[in-house]
Amino acid sequence: MCRNQKDVDTRIHRMCRMALTTEQDMLDLAEKYLGIFRDVCRQTTFKANDTVNDLCSHVSEDQSCYGTDDAMSAALTELLFFASESQQERYDSMIDNTMQTAALIKLMDKLKLGVYAFEDYGPEFVNILSLCYMNTFSYSEDDILYTLNMGRSTFYKKKKRAMILFGLSIRGYVASLHGRKVDYIVESEGVQMRFECTG
């Protein structure tokens, strides 16, 4: 292993020690939550987009030139004031799921910033995490290696480092909450998944 790579591992090891944790604990933590984010990106996001498109399709003709945000606001206004009770009930749970998905994606982006800030390698690590876990398309390993222009062993070493840093980012985020609790329940293919962090 070249000196630069040893330096990266040393820096990550020091960060874990400062956070009173280990690389393995952070790897396990990251693996757990990245799996949830992958499901949110690949399944729940499509459902959320369908809900938004369905709602916006009910906007009246004179409002069809609106941007997506304006169309969504107009659609929600029409739903709130002009839709029948049965129409409102139909959309209630769909809108709740969409809002939860949006909240999780914002959280995911915030956690990625913690990895991105890692000097010299952060952007590359975020790119690896994005290709593996945080996108709507399921790339094969060969596609990922080709996109990154990287050998398999190098990829696995860098992916492991990226995941440890993501675990540290989760830990830092939780610490910033000062004991408050973040609790999301996301439904994916009929199975409810709970995303929970406590400080």
N, C-alpha and C. Protein backbone atom coordinates (compact mmCIF):
# COMPACT_ATOMS: atom_id res chain seq x y z
N MET A 1 0.85 -1.19 0.00
CA MET A 1 0.00 0.00 0.00
C MET A 1 0.89 1.24 0.00
N CYS A 2 0.60 2.19 -0.88
CA CYS A 2 1.45 3.38 -0.96
C CYS A 2 1.25 4.27 0.26
N ARG A 3 2.20 5.17 0.43
CA ARG A 3 2.20 6.02 1.62
C ARG A 3 0.93 6.85 1.75
N ASN A 4 0.44 7.38 0.60
CA ASN A 4 -0.77 8.20 0.65
C ASN A 4 -1.96 7.42 1.19
N GLN A 5 -2.07 6.16 0.77
CA GLN A 5 -3.19 5.33 1.23
C GLN A 5 -3.07 5.02 2.72
N LYS A 6 -1.84 4.78 3.18
CA LYS A 6 -1.63 4.57 4.61
C LYS A 6 -2.01 5.82 5.40
N ASP A 7 -1.67 6.99 4.84
CA ASP A 7 -2.02 8.25 5.50
C ASP A 7 -3.54 8.40 5.62
N VAL A 8 -4.26 8.00 4.57
CA VAL A 8 -5.73 8.08 4.60
C VAL A 8 -6.27 7.19 5.71
N ASP A 9 -5.77 5.96 5.78
CA ASP A 9 -6.23 5.03 6.82
C ASP A 9 -5.89 5.55 8.21
N THR A 10 -4.72 6.15 8.35
CA THR A 10 -4.32 6.72 9.64
C THR A 10 -5.24 7.86 10.04
N ARG A 11 -5.58 8.73 9.09
CA ARG A 11 -6.48 9.85 9.37
C ARG A 11 -7.85 9.34 9.80
N ILE A 12 -8.35 8.34 9.09
CA ILE A 12 -9.67 7.79 9.43
C ILE A 12 -9.62 7.12 10.80
N HIS A 13 -8.54 6.40 11.08
CA HIS A 13 -8.39 5.75 12.38
C HIS A 13 -8.40 6.79 13.51
N ARG A 14 -7.70 7.89 13.30
CA ARG A 14 -7.66 8.96 14.31
C ARG A 14 -9.04 9.57 14.51
N MET A 15 -9.76 9.76 13.41
CA MET A 15 -11.11 10.32 13.52
C MET A 15 -12.01 9.40 14.34
N CYS A 16 -11.88 8.10 14.13
CA CYS A 16 -12.68 7.14 14.90
C CYS A 16 -12.31 7.18 16.38
N ARG A 17 -11.03 7.25 16.65
CA ARG A 17 -10.59 7.31 18.05
C ARG A 17 -11.10 8.57 18.73
N MET A 18 -11.06 9.69 18.00
CA MET A 18 -11.56 10.95 18.57
C MET A 18 -13.06 10.88 18.84
N ALA A 19 -13.77 10.09 18.03
CA ALA A 19 -15.22 9.93 18.21
C ALA A 19 -15.54 8.80 19.19
N LEU A 20 -14.50 8.23 19.81
CA LEU A 20 -14.65 7.14 20.79
C LEU A 20 -15.37 5.94 20.18
N THR A 21 -14.96 5.57 18.97
CA THR A 21 -15.55 4.43 18.29
C THR A 21 -14.47 3.71 17.49
N THR A 22 -14.88 2.69 16.74
CA THR A 22 -13.93 1.94 15.92
C THR A 22 -14.37 1.97 14.47
N GLU A 23 -13.45 1.65 13.57
CA GLU A 23 -13.76 1.58 12.16
C GLU A 23 -14.87 0.55 11.90
N GLN A 24 -14.80 -0.59 12.57
CA GLN A 24 -15.79 -1.64 12.35
C GLN A 24 -17.19 -1.20 12.78
N ASP A 25 -17.26 -0.52 13.93
CA ASP A 25 -18.56 -0.01 14.38
C ASP A 25 -19.16 0.98 13.38
N MET A 26 -18.31 1.85 12.83
CA MET A 26 -18.79 2.84 11.86
C MET A 26 -19.17 2.17 10.53
N LEU A 27 -18.44 1.13 10.18
CA LEU A 27 -18.77 0.37 8.97
C LEU A 27 -20.13 -0.30 9.12
N ASP A 28 -20.37 -0.90 10.28
CA ASP A 28 -21.67 -1.55 10.55
C ASP A 28 -22.81 -0.54 10.55
N LEU A 29 -22.57 0.61 11.18
CA LEU A 29 -23.59 1.66 11.23
C LEU A 29 -23.93 2.16 9.82
N ALA A 30 -22.88 2.42 9.04
CA ALA A 30 -23.09 2.91 7.68
C ALA A 30 -23.82 1.89 6.82
N GLU A 31 -23.44 0.63 6.96
CA GLU A 31 -24.06 -0.43 6.16
C GLU A 31 -25.56 -0.50 6.43
N LYS A 32 -25.93 -0.37 7.69
CA LYS A 32 -27.34 -0.41 8.08
C LYS A 32 -28.14 0.72 7.42
N TYR A 33 -27.63 1.94 7.54
CA TYR A 33 -28.39 3.09 7.05
C TYR A 33 -28.27 3.29 5.55
N LEU A 34 -27.13 2.92 4.97
CA LEU A 34 -27.02 3.03 3.51
C LEU A 34 -27.98 2.06 2.82
N GLY A 35 -28.23 0.91 3.44
CA GLY A 35 -29.23 -0.02 2.90
C GLY A 35 -30.61 0.61 2.88
N ILE A 36 -30.95 1.34 3.94
CA ILE A 36 -32.24 2.04 3.99
C ILE A 36 -32.30 3.13 2.92
N PHE A 37 -31.21 3.92 2.82
CA PHE A 37 -31.18 4.98 1.82
C PHE A 37 -31.28 4.41 0.40
N ARG A 38 -30.66 3.26 0.16
CA ARG A 38 -30.73 2.64 -1.17
C ARG A 38 -32.18 2.30 -1.51
N ASP A 39 -32.91 1.75 -0.53
CA ASP A 39 -34.32 1.41 -0.77
C ASP A 39 -35.15 2.66 -1.00
N VAL A 40 -34.86 3.72 -0.24
CA VAL A 40 -35.58 4.98 -0.41
C VAL A 40 -35.33 5.53 -1.81
N CYS A 41 -34.07 5.54 -2.23
CA CYS A 41 -33.74 6.09 -3.55
C CYS A 41 -34.32 5.27 -4.68
N ARG A 42 -34.27 3.95 -4.56
CA ARG A 42 -34.63 3.09 -5.69
C ARG A 42 -36.11 2.75 -5.76
N GLN A 43 -36.81 2.80 -4.64
CA GLN A 43 -38.22 2.38 -4.67
C GLN A 43 -39.15 3.50 -4.24
N THR A 44 -38.93 4.02 -3.04
CA THR A 44 -39.86 5.00 -2.49
C THR A 44 -39.87 6.29 -3.29
N THR A 45 -38.71 6.70 -3.83
CA THR A 45 -38.65 7.94 -4.60
C THR A 45 -39.55 7.88 -5.82
N PHE A 46 -39.58 6.73 -6.49
CA PHE A 46 -40.46 6.59 -7.66
C PHE A 46 -41.92 6.77 -7.26
N LYS A 47 -42.31 6.18 -6.12
CA LYS A 47 -43.68 6.31 -5.64
C LYS A 47 -43.99 7.78 -5.31
N ALA A 48 -43.02 8.46 -4.68
CA ALA A 48 -43.20 9.87 -4.34
C ALA A 48 -43.37 10.71 -5.60
N ASN A 49 -42.54 10.45 -6.61
CA ASN A 49 -42.66 11.18 -7.88
C ASN A 49 -44.00 10.93 -8.55
N ASP A 50 -44.47 9.69 -8.48
CA ASP A 50 -45.79 9.37 -9.04
C ASP A 50 -46.89 10.15 -8.34
N THR A 51 -46.77 10.27 -7.00
CA THR A 51 -47.77 11.03 -6.23
C THR A 51 -47.77 12.49 -6.66
N VAL A 52 -46.57 13.07 -6.76
CA VAL A 52 -46.46 14.49 -7.17
C VAL A 52 -47.05 14.66 -8.57
N ASN A 53 -46.69 13.79 -9.50
CA ASN A 53 -47.21 13.89 -10.87
C ASN A 53 -48.72 13.73 -10.91
N ASP A 54 -49.23 12.80 -10.12
CA ASP A 54 -50.67 12.58 -10.07
C ASP A 54 -51.40 13.80 -9.52
N LEU A 55 -50.86 14.36 -8.44
CA LEU A 55 -51.46 15.56 -7.86
C LEU A 55 -51.43 16.72 -8.85
N CYS A 56 -50.27 16.91 -9.48
CA CYS A 56 -50.11 18.05 -10.39
C CYS A 56 -50.95 17.91 -11.65
N SER A 57 -51.33 16.68 -12.00
CA SER A 57 -52.17 16.48 -13.19
C SER A 57 -53.58 17.02 -12.97
N HIS A 58 -53.94 17.27 -11.69
CA HIS A 58 -55.27 17.80 -11.38
C HIS A 58 -55.31 19.33 -11.37
N VAL A 59 -54.17 19.96 -11.63
CA VAL A 59 -54.15 21.43 -11.65
C VAL A 59 -54.88 21.91 -12.89
N SER A 60 -55.65 22.97 -12.73
CA SER A 60 -56.47 23.45 -13.85
C SER A 60 -55.59 23.96 -14.99
N GLU A 61 -56.17 24.03 -16.18
CA GLU A 61 -55.44 24.36 -17.41
C GLU A 61 -54.68 25.68 -17.33
N ASP A 62 -55.29 26.71 -16.74
CA ASP A 62 -54.63 28.02 -16.70
C ASP A 62 -53.43 28.03 -15.78
N GLN A 63 -53.23 26.96 -14.98
CA GLN A 63 -52.08 26.89 -14.08
C GLN A 63 -51.03 25.88 -14.58
N SER A 64 -51.25 25.32 -15.77
CA SER A 64 -50.38 24.26 -16.26
C SER A 64 -48.99 24.76 -16.65
N CYS A 65 -48.83 26.08 -16.78
CA CYS A 65 -47.52 26.63 -17.14
C CYS A 65 -46.64 26.84 -15.91
N TYR A 66 -47.15 26.50 -14.72
CA TYR A 66 -46.38 26.65 -13.49
C TYR A 66 -45.15 25.74 -13.50
N GLY A 67 -44.16 26.10 -12.70
CA GLY A 67 -43.05 25.20 -12.43
C GLY A 67 -43.54 24.10 -11.50
N THR A 68 -42.70 23.09 -11.26
CA THR A 68 -43.11 21.93 -10.45
C THR A 68 -43.55 22.35 -9.05
N ASP A 69 -42.77 23.21 -8.38
CA ASP A 69 -43.12 23.62 -7.02
C ASP A 69 -44.44 24.37 -6.99
N ASP A 70 -44.63 25.28 -7.94
CA ASP A 70 -45.88 26.05 -7.99
C ASP A 70 -47.06 25.13 -8.33
N ALA A 71 -46.82 24.20 -9.24
CA ALA A 71 -47.89 23.27 -9.61
C ALA A 71 -48.28 22.40 -8.42
N MET A 72 -47.28 21.97 -7.64
CA MET A 72 -47.55 21.16 -6.46
C MET A 72 -48.35 21.97 -5.43
N SER A 73 -47.96 23.22 -5.21
CA SER A 73 -48.69 24.08 -4.27
C SER A 73 -50.14 24.28 -4.72
N ALA A 74 -50.32 24.54 -6.02
CA ALA A 74 -51.67 24.72 -6.55
C ALA A 74 -52.48 23.44 -6.41
N ALA A 75 -51.84 22.30 -6.67
CA ALA A 75 -52.54 21.02 -6.56
C ALA A 75 -52.96 20.75 -5.13
N LEU A 76 -52.08 21.03 -4.17
CA LEU A 76 -52.42 20.82 -2.76
C LEU A 76 -53.54 21.76 -2.32
N THR A 77 -53.53 22.99 -2.83
CA THR A 77 -54.59 23.95 -2.50
C THR A 77 -55.93 23.45 -3.03
N GLU A 78 -55.93 23.01 -4.29
CA GLU A 78 -57.16 22.47 -4.87
C GLU A 78 -57.65 21.25 -4.10
N LEU A 79 -56.70 20.39 -3.70
CA LEU A 79 -57.06 19.19 -2.95
C LEU A 79 -57.68 19.56 -1.60
N LEU A 80 -57.07 20.55 -0.93
CA LEU A 80 -57.51 20.96 0.39
C LEU A 80 -58.90 21.61 0.37
N PHE A 81 -59.14 22.49 -0.62
CA PHE A 81 -60.36 23.29 -0.61
C PHE A 81 -61.47 22.79 -1.54
N PHE A 82 -61.11 22.06 -2.59
CA PHE A 82 -62.12 21.73 -3.59
C PHE A 82 -62.35 20.23 -3.78
N ALA A 83 -61.47 19.39 -3.29
CA ALA A 83 -61.62 17.95 -3.51
C ALA A 83 -62.65 17.37 -2.55
N SER A 84 -63.26 16.28 -2.98
CA SER A 84 -64.21 15.59 -2.11
C SER A 84 -63.45 14.92 -0.96
N GLU A 85 -64.21 14.52 0.05
CA GLU A 85 -63.59 13.88 1.22
C GLU A 85 -62.89 12.58 0.83
N SER A 86 -63.49 11.83 -0.08
CA SER A 86 -62.86 10.56 -0.50
C SER A 86 -61.56 10.81 -1.26
N GLN A 87 -61.52 11.89 -2.08
CA GLN A 87 -60.27 12.23 -2.78
C GLN A 87 -59.19 12.64 -1.77
N GLN A 88 -59.60 13.41 -0.77
CA GLN A 88 -58.62 13.84 0.24
C GLN A 88 -58.06 12.64 1.00
N GLU A 89 -58.93 11.71 1.37
CA GLU A 89 -58.47 10.53 2.10
C GLU A 89 -57.52 9.69 1.25
N ARG A 90 -57.80 9.63 -0.04
CA ARG A 90 -56.95 8.86 -0.95
C ARG A 90 -55.52 9.39 -0.97
N TYR A 91 -55.40 10.71 -0.92
CA TYR A 91 -54.07 11.32 -1.03
C TYR A 91 -53.35 11.50 0.30
N ASP A 92 -54.08 11.47 1.41
CA ASP A 92 -53.45 11.74 2.71
C ASP A 92 -52.21 10.90 2.97
N SER A 93 -52.34 9.57 2.88
CA SER A 93 -51.19 8.72 3.19
C SER A 93 -50.12 8.85 2.13
N MET A 94 -50.53 9.07 0.87
CA MET A 94 -49.55 9.24 -0.21
C MET A 94 -48.70 10.49 0.03
N ILE A 95 -49.36 11.57 0.48
CA ILE A 95 -48.63 12.81 0.74
C ILE A 95 -47.70 12.64 1.93
N ASP A 96 -48.18 11.95 2.98
CA ASP A 96 -47.32 11.69 4.15
C ASP A 96 -46.07 10.93 3.75
N ASN A 97 -46.23 9.89 2.92
CA ASN A 97 -45.08 9.11 2.46
C ASN A 97 -44.12 9.96 1.63
N THR A 98 -44.69 10.84 0.80
CA THR A 98 -43.86 11.73 -0.01
C THR A 98 -43.05 12.67 0.86
N MET A 99 -43.69 13.21 1.90
CA MET A 99 -42.99 14.13 2.81
C MET A 99 -41.88 13.41 3.57
N GLN A 100 -42.13 12.17 3.99
CA GLN A 100 -41.10 11.40 4.68
C GLN A 100 -39.94 11.09 3.75
N THR A 101 -40.25 10.77 2.50
CA THR A 101 -39.19 10.51 1.54
C THR A 101 -38.34 11.75 1.34
N ALA A 102 -38.98 12.90 1.20
CA ALA A 102 -38.25 14.16 1.03
C ALA A 102 -37.36 14.44 2.23
N ALA A 103 -37.87 14.17 3.44
CA ALA A 103 -37.09 14.40 4.66
C ALA A 103 -35.87 13.48 4.71
N LEU A 104 -36.05 12.22 4.31
CA LEU A 104 -34.92 11.29 4.30
C LEU A 104 -33.87 11.67 3.27
N ILE A 105 -34.30 12.15 2.11
CA ILE A 105 -33.35 12.55 1.07
C ILE A 105 -32.56 13.78 1.53
N LYS A 106 -33.23 14.71 2.22
CA LYS A 106 -32.51 15.87 2.76
C LYS A 106 -31.48 15.43 3.80
N LEU A 107 -31.86 14.49 4.64
CA LEU A 107 -30.94 13.97 5.65
C LEU A 107 -29.76 13.27 4.97
N MET A 108 -30.04 12.48 3.95
CA MET A 108 -29.00 11.79 3.21
C MET A 108 -28.00 12.78 2.61
N ASP A 109 -28.50 13.86 2.03
CA ASP A 109 -27.62 14.88 1.45
C ASP A 109 -26.77 15.56 2.52
N LYS A 110 -27.36 15.78 3.69
CA LYS A 110 -26.62 16.40 4.79
C LYS A 110 -25.49 15.47 5.26
N LEU A 111 -25.77 14.18 5.35
CA LEU A 111 -24.76 13.22 5.77
C LEU A 111 -23.64 13.09 4.74
N LYS A 112 -24.00 13.20 3.46
CA LYS A 112 -22.97 13.13 2.42
C LYS A 112 -21.97 14.28 2.54
N LEU A 113 -22.44 15.43 3.01
CA LEU A 113 -21.54 16.58 3.18
C LEU A 113 -20.42 16.27 4.17
N GLY A 114 -20.73 15.47 5.20
CA GLY A 114 -19.71 15.07 6.17
C GLY A 114 -18.60 14.27 5.53
N VAL A 115 -18.96 13.42 4.55
CA VAL A 115 -17.97 12.63 3.82
C VAL A 115 -17.23 13.53 2.83
N TYR A 116 -17.96 14.40 2.17
CA TYR A 116 -17.39 15.30 1.16
C TYR A 116 -16.28 16.18 1.74
N ALA A 117 -16.42 16.51 3.02
CA ALA A 117 -15.47 17.41 3.67
C ALA A 117 -14.12 16.75 3.97
N PHE A 118 -14.01 15.44 3.80
CA PHE A 118 -12.75 14.74 4.06
C PHE A 118 -11.72 15.19 3.02
N GLU A 119 -10.66 15.78 3.50
CA GLU A 119 -9.69 16.45 2.64
C GLU A 119 -9.11 15.51 1.58
N ASP A 120 -9.05 16.01 0.36
CA ASP A 120 -8.46 15.34 -0.82
C ASP A 120 -9.33 14.23 -1.41
N TYR A 121 -9.95 13.41 -0.58
CA TYR A 121 -10.65 12.23 -1.08
C TYR A 121 -12.17 12.29 -0.94
N GLY A 122 -12.67 13.30 -0.22
CA GLY A 122 -14.10 13.38 0.05
C GLY A 122 -15.00 13.29 -1.17
N PRO A 123 -14.76 14.11 -2.22
CA PRO A 123 -15.64 14.04 -3.39
C PRO A 123 -15.65 12.66 -4.05
N GLU A 124 -14.49 12.02 -4.12
CA GLU A 124 -14.42 10.68 -4.70
C GLU A 124 -15.20 9.67 -3.85
N PHE A 125 -15.09 9.78 -2.54
CA PHE A 125 -15.83 8.89 -1.65
C PHE A 125 -17.34 9.08 -1.78
N VAL A 126 -17.78 10.32 -1.89
CA VAL A 126 -19.21 10.60 -2.08
C VAL A 126 -19.69 10.01 -3.41
N ASN A 127 -18.86 10.12 -4.44
CA ASN A 127 -19.21 9.56 -5.74
C ASN A 127 -19.40 8.04 -5.64
N ILE A 128 -18.52 7.38 -4.90
CA ILE A 128 -18.63 5.93 -4.71
C ILE A 128 -19.94 5.59 -3.99
N LEU A 129 -20.22 6.30 -2.89
CA LEU A 129 -21.45 6.05 -2.14
C LEU A 129 -22.69 6.31 -2.98
N SER A 130 -22.63 7.37 -3.79
CA SER A 130 -23.78 7.72 -4.63
C SER A 130 -24.06 6.64 -5.66
N LEU A 131 -23.01 6.13 -6.28
CA LEU A 131 -23.19 5.08 -7.29
C LEU A 131 -23.69 3.78 -6.67
N CYS A 132 -23.20 3.46 -5.48
CA CYS A 132 -23.56 2.19 -4.84
C CYS A 132 -24.91 2.22 -4.12
N TYR A 133 -25.23 3.37 -3.51
CA TYR A 133 -26.39 3.38 -2.61
C TYR A 133 -27.39 4.51 -2.83
N MET A 134 -26.97 5.63 -3.38
CA MET A 134 -27.82 6.82 -3.34
C MET A 134 -28.23 7.30 -4.71
N ASN A 135 -28.86 6.44 -5.47
CA ASN A 135 -29.38 6.83 -6.78
C ASN A 135 -30.58 5.95 -7.09
N THR A 136 -31.32 6.34 -8.10
CA THR A 136 -32.54 5.60 -8.42
C THR A 136 -32.28 4.40 -9.33
N PHE A 137 -31.05 4.29 -9.86
CA PHE A 137 -30.73 3.19 -10.77
C PHE A 137 -29.82 2.20 -10.07
N SER A 138 -30.05 0.92 -10.27
CA SER A 138 -29.24 -0.13 -9.66
C SER A 138 -28.09 -0.50 -10.60
N TYR A 139 -26.92 0.08 -10.36
CA TYR A 139 -25.76 -0.20 -11.20
C TYR A 139 -25.15 -1.56 -10.83
N SER A 140 -24.65 -2.27 -11.83
CA SER A 140 -23.90 -3.49 -11.56
C SER A 140 -22.50 -3.10 -11.09
N GLU A 141 -21.80 -4.03 -10.47
CA GLU A 141 -20.44 -3.74 -10.01
C GLU A 141 -19.54 -3.35 -11.18
N ASP A 142 -19.69 -4.04 -12.32
CA ASP A 142 -18.88 -3.72 -13.50
C ASP A 142 -19.15 -2.30 -13.99
N ASP A 143 -20.43 -1.88 -13.96
CA ASP A 143 -20.78 -0.51 -14.36
C ASP A 143 -20.12 0.51 -13.44
N ILE A 144 -20.13 0.21 -12.14
CA ILE A 144 -19.53 1.12 -11.16
C ILE A 144 -18.03 1.22 -11.38
N LEU A 145 -17.37 0.08 -11.57
CA LEU A 145 -15.92 0.08 -11.80
C LEU A 145 -15.57 0.84 -13.07
N TYR A 146 -16.38 0.65 -14.11
CA TYR A 146 -16.14 1.35 -15.38
C TYR A 146 -16.32 2.86 -15.21
N THR A 147 -17.41 3.24 -14.52
CA THR A 147 -17.70 4.67 -14.32
C THR A 147 -16.60 5.35 -13.51
N LEU A 148 -16.11 4.65 -12.49
CA LEU A 148 -15.06 5.21 -11.62
C LEU A 148 -13.66 5.05 -12.21
N ASN A 149 -13.55 4.23 -13.26
CA ASN A 149 -12.25 3.93 -13.86
C ASN A 149 -11.29 3.41 -12.79
N MET A 150 -11.71 2.34 -12.12
CA MET A 150 -11.01 1.87 -10.93
C MET A 150 -10.98 0.34 -10.93
N GLY A 151 -9.89 -0.23 -10.45
CA GLY A 151 -9.80 -1.67 -10.29
C GLY A 151 -10.64 -2.14 -9.12
N ARG A 152 -10.96 -3.44 -9.13
CA ARG A 152 -11.86 -4.00 -8.11
C ARG A 152 -11.30 -3.84 -6.70
N SER A 153 -10.04 -4.19 -6.47
CA SER A 153 -9.48 -4.13 -5.11
C SER A 153 -9.39 -2.69 -4.61
N THR A 154 -9.02 -1.77 -5.51
CA THR A 154 -8.97 -0.34 -5.14
C THR A 154 -10.36 0.15 -4.79
N PHE A 155 -11.35 -0.26 -5.58
CA PHE A 155 -12.73 0.14 -5.33
C PHE A 155 -13.19 -0.30 -3.94
N TYR A 156 -12.92 -1.56 -3.58
CA TYR A 156 -13.38 -2.06 -2.29
C TYR A 156 -12.70 -1.35 -1.13
N LYS A 157 -11.41 -1.04 -1.27
CA LYS A 157 -10.71 -0.29 -0.22
C LYS A 157 -11.33 1.10 -0.05
N LYS A 158 -11.57 1.77 -1.17
CA LYS A 158 -12.12 3.13 -1.10
C LYS A 158 -13.57 3.12 -0.64
N LYS A 159 -14.33 2.11 -1.06
CA LYS A 159 -15.72 2.01 -0.61
C LYS A 159 -15.77 1.81 0.91
N LYS A 160 -14.89 0.98 1.44
CA LYS A 160 -14.85 0.75 2.89
C LYS A 160 -14.54 2.05 3.62
N ARG A 161 -13.56 2.80 3.13
CA ARG A 161 -13.22 4.09 3.76
C ARG A 161 -14.40 5.05 3.69
N ALA A 162 -15.05 5.09 2.53
CA ALA A 162 -16.21 5.98 2.36
C ALA A 162 -17.32 5.62 3.33
N MET A 163 -17.55 4.34 3.53
CA MET A 163 -18.60 3.90 4.45
C MET A 163 -18.26 4.24 5.89
N ILE A 164 -16.99 4.08 6.27
CA ILE A 164 -16.58 4.45 7.64
C ILE A 164 -16.82 5.94 7.87
N LEU A 165 -16.45 6.75 6.87
CA LEU A 165 -16.66 8.20 6.99
C LEU A 165 -18.15 8.53 7.05
N PHE A 166 -18.97 7.78 6.31
CA PHE A 166 -20.42 8.00 6.36
C PHE A 166 -20.95 7.66 7.75
N GLY A 167 -20.43 6.57 8.33
CA GLY A 167 -20.81 6.22 9.70
C GLY A 167 -20.44 7.32 10.68
N LEU A 168 -19.25 7.89 10.51
CA LEU A 168 -18.82 9.01 11.36
C LEU A 168 -19.72 10.23 11.15
N SER A 169 -20.16 10.43 9.91
CA SER A 169 -21.06 11.55 9.62
C SER A 169 -22.40 11.36 10.32
N ILE A 170 -22.91 10.12 10.32
CA ILE A 170 -24.15 9.83 11.05
C ILE A 170 -23.95 10.11 12.54
N ARG A 171 -22.84 9.63 13.07
CA ARG A 171 -22.55 9.82 14.49
C ARG A 171 -22.45 11.31 14.84
N GLY A 172 -21.78 12.07 13.98
CA GLY A 172 -21.66 13.52 14.19
C GLY A 172 -23.01 14.21 14.13
N TYR A 173 -23.85 13.77 13.18
CA TYR A 173 -25.19 14.36 13.06
C TYR A 173 -26.01 14.10 14.30
N VAL A 174 -25.96 12.87 14.78
CA VAL A 174 -26.71 12.50 15.98
C VAL A 174 -26.23 13.32 17.17
N ALA A 175 -24.91 13.46 17.29
CA ALA A 175 -24.35 14.25 18.40
C ALA A 175 -24.83 15.70 18.33
N SER A 176 -25.01 16.21 17.11
CA SER A 176 -25.45 17.60 16.96
C SER A 176 -26.90 17.80 17.39
N LEU A 177 -27.64 16.72 17.50
CA LEU A 177 -29.04 16.82 17.91
C LEU A 177 -29.19 17.00 19.42
N HIS A 178 -28.10 16.82 20.17
CA HIS A 178 -28.10 16.97 21.63
C HIS A 178 -29.19 16.14 22.29
N GLY A 179 -29.23 14.88 21.92
CA GLY A 179 -30.16 13.98 22.60
C GLY A 179 -31.53 13.89 21.98
N ARG A 180 -31.81 14.76 20.97
CA ARG A 180 -33.12 14.65 20.33
C ARG A 180 -33.14 13.40 19.46
N LYS A 181 -34.31 12.95 19.12
CA LYS A 181 -34.48 11.71 18.38
C LYS A 181 -35.01 11.98 16.98
N VAL A 182 -34.41 11.32 15.98
CA VAL A 182 -34.89 11.39 14.62
C VAL A 182 -35.49 10.03 14.32
N ASP A 183 -36.73 10.00 13.93
CA ASP A 183 -37.41 8.72 13.75
C ASP A 183 -38.27 8.80 12.49
N TYR A 184 -37.92 8.02 11.48
CA TYR A 184 -38.69 7.98 10.25
C TYR A 184 -39.14 6.55 10.01
N ILE A 185 -40.33 6.38 9.48
CA ILE A 185 -40.77 5.06 9.04
C ILE A 185 -41.07 5.16 7.55
N VAL A 186 -40.38 4.35 6.77
CA VAL A 186 -40.55 4.37 5.32
C VAL A 186 -41.09 3.03 4.88
N GLU A 187 -42.11 3.05 4.05
CA GLU A 187 -42.66 1.79 3.57
C GLU A 187 -42.10 1.49 2.19
N SER A 188 -41.57 0.28 2.02
CA SER A 188 -40.99 -0.13 0.76
C SER A 188 -41.47 -1.53 0.43
N GLU A 189 -42.18 -1.65 -0.67
CA GLU A 189 -42.74 -2.94 -1.11
C GLU A 189 -43.53 -3.62 0.00
N GLY A 190 -44.35 -2.83 0.69
CA GLY A 190 -45.22 -3.37 1.72
C GLY A 190 -44.56 -3.63 3.05
N VAL A 191 -43.25 -3.37 3.15
CA VAL A 191 -42.53 -3.59 4.40
C VAL A 191 -42.16 -2.24 5.00
N GLN A 192 -42.48 -2.04 6.26
CA GLN A 192 -42.13 -0.79 6.92
C GLN A 192 -40.73 -0.88 7.49
N MET A 193 -39.90 0.12 7.17
CA MET A 193 -38.54 0.19 7.70
C MET A 193 -38.45 1.39 8.62
N ARG A 194 -37.83 1.20 9.74
CA ARG A 194 -37.69 2.29 10.71
C ARG A 194 -36.26 2.81 10.66
N PHE A 195 -36.13 4.13 10.49
CA PHE A 195 -34.84 4.79 10.49
C PHE A 195 -34.79 5.62 11.76
N GLU A 196 -33.93 5.25 12.66
CA GLU A 196 -33.93 5.90 13.98
C GLU A 196 -32.51 6.25 14.41
N CYS A 197 -32.33 7.45 14.87
CA CYS A 197 -31.07 7.88 15.47
C CYS A 197 -31.37 8.50 16.81
N THR A 198 -30.62 8.14 17.81
CA THR A 198 -30.75 8.81 19.10
C THR A 198 -29.39 9.30 19.54
N GLY A 199 -29.38 10.44 20.17
CA GLY A 199 -28.12 11.03 20.60
C GLY A 199 -27.72 10.52 21.94
